[in-house]
């Protein structure tokens, strides 16, 4: 099963739903998880004893059950969204199966960002590679000046809706 993890409820969630739709047309079972709906507190060692929150087991189990992961995340100040960074920090410090969660897991990266998104894609590529995931080569990028249902016609980095690059 392809787990599509959107870190925000806006354009990246819409992008994730487009990926889910495209996967369905190809017969690939897929599910979207909106990370912004989960109440997972900011990771901080000072508050570690309080734990990752009641919604964390849902995220943890879905990643363990996934055959592949697709991340749709905007660029925040030249890097990853805080909720993604925090969720990964919780995963790396709780449980005994952290390396198992990501070892060899195919991970596709995508973004819909106002600033172009290349920095978040680079940051996620570095982080997920460090975790042992197999990060897929090209990343679909959706730019703010395009609506989520439009595609770049110049054959650039990818196409919103994952028309050809991921099929």
Foldseek 3Di string as FASTA:
>chain_A
DEEEEEADDPLLQVLSVLQCVLCVVVVHHYDYDHLVVAPFDADDPVCPVVARDDRLVVVVVVLLPHQAYEYEAEADPLEGDRSVVRSLVRLVPDDDCQLVSAAAHEYAYEYEYAVFRPSHVVRVVVVSVVSRYHYDDFYYYHYPVDHLVFFDPPPPRATRSRDDPVD
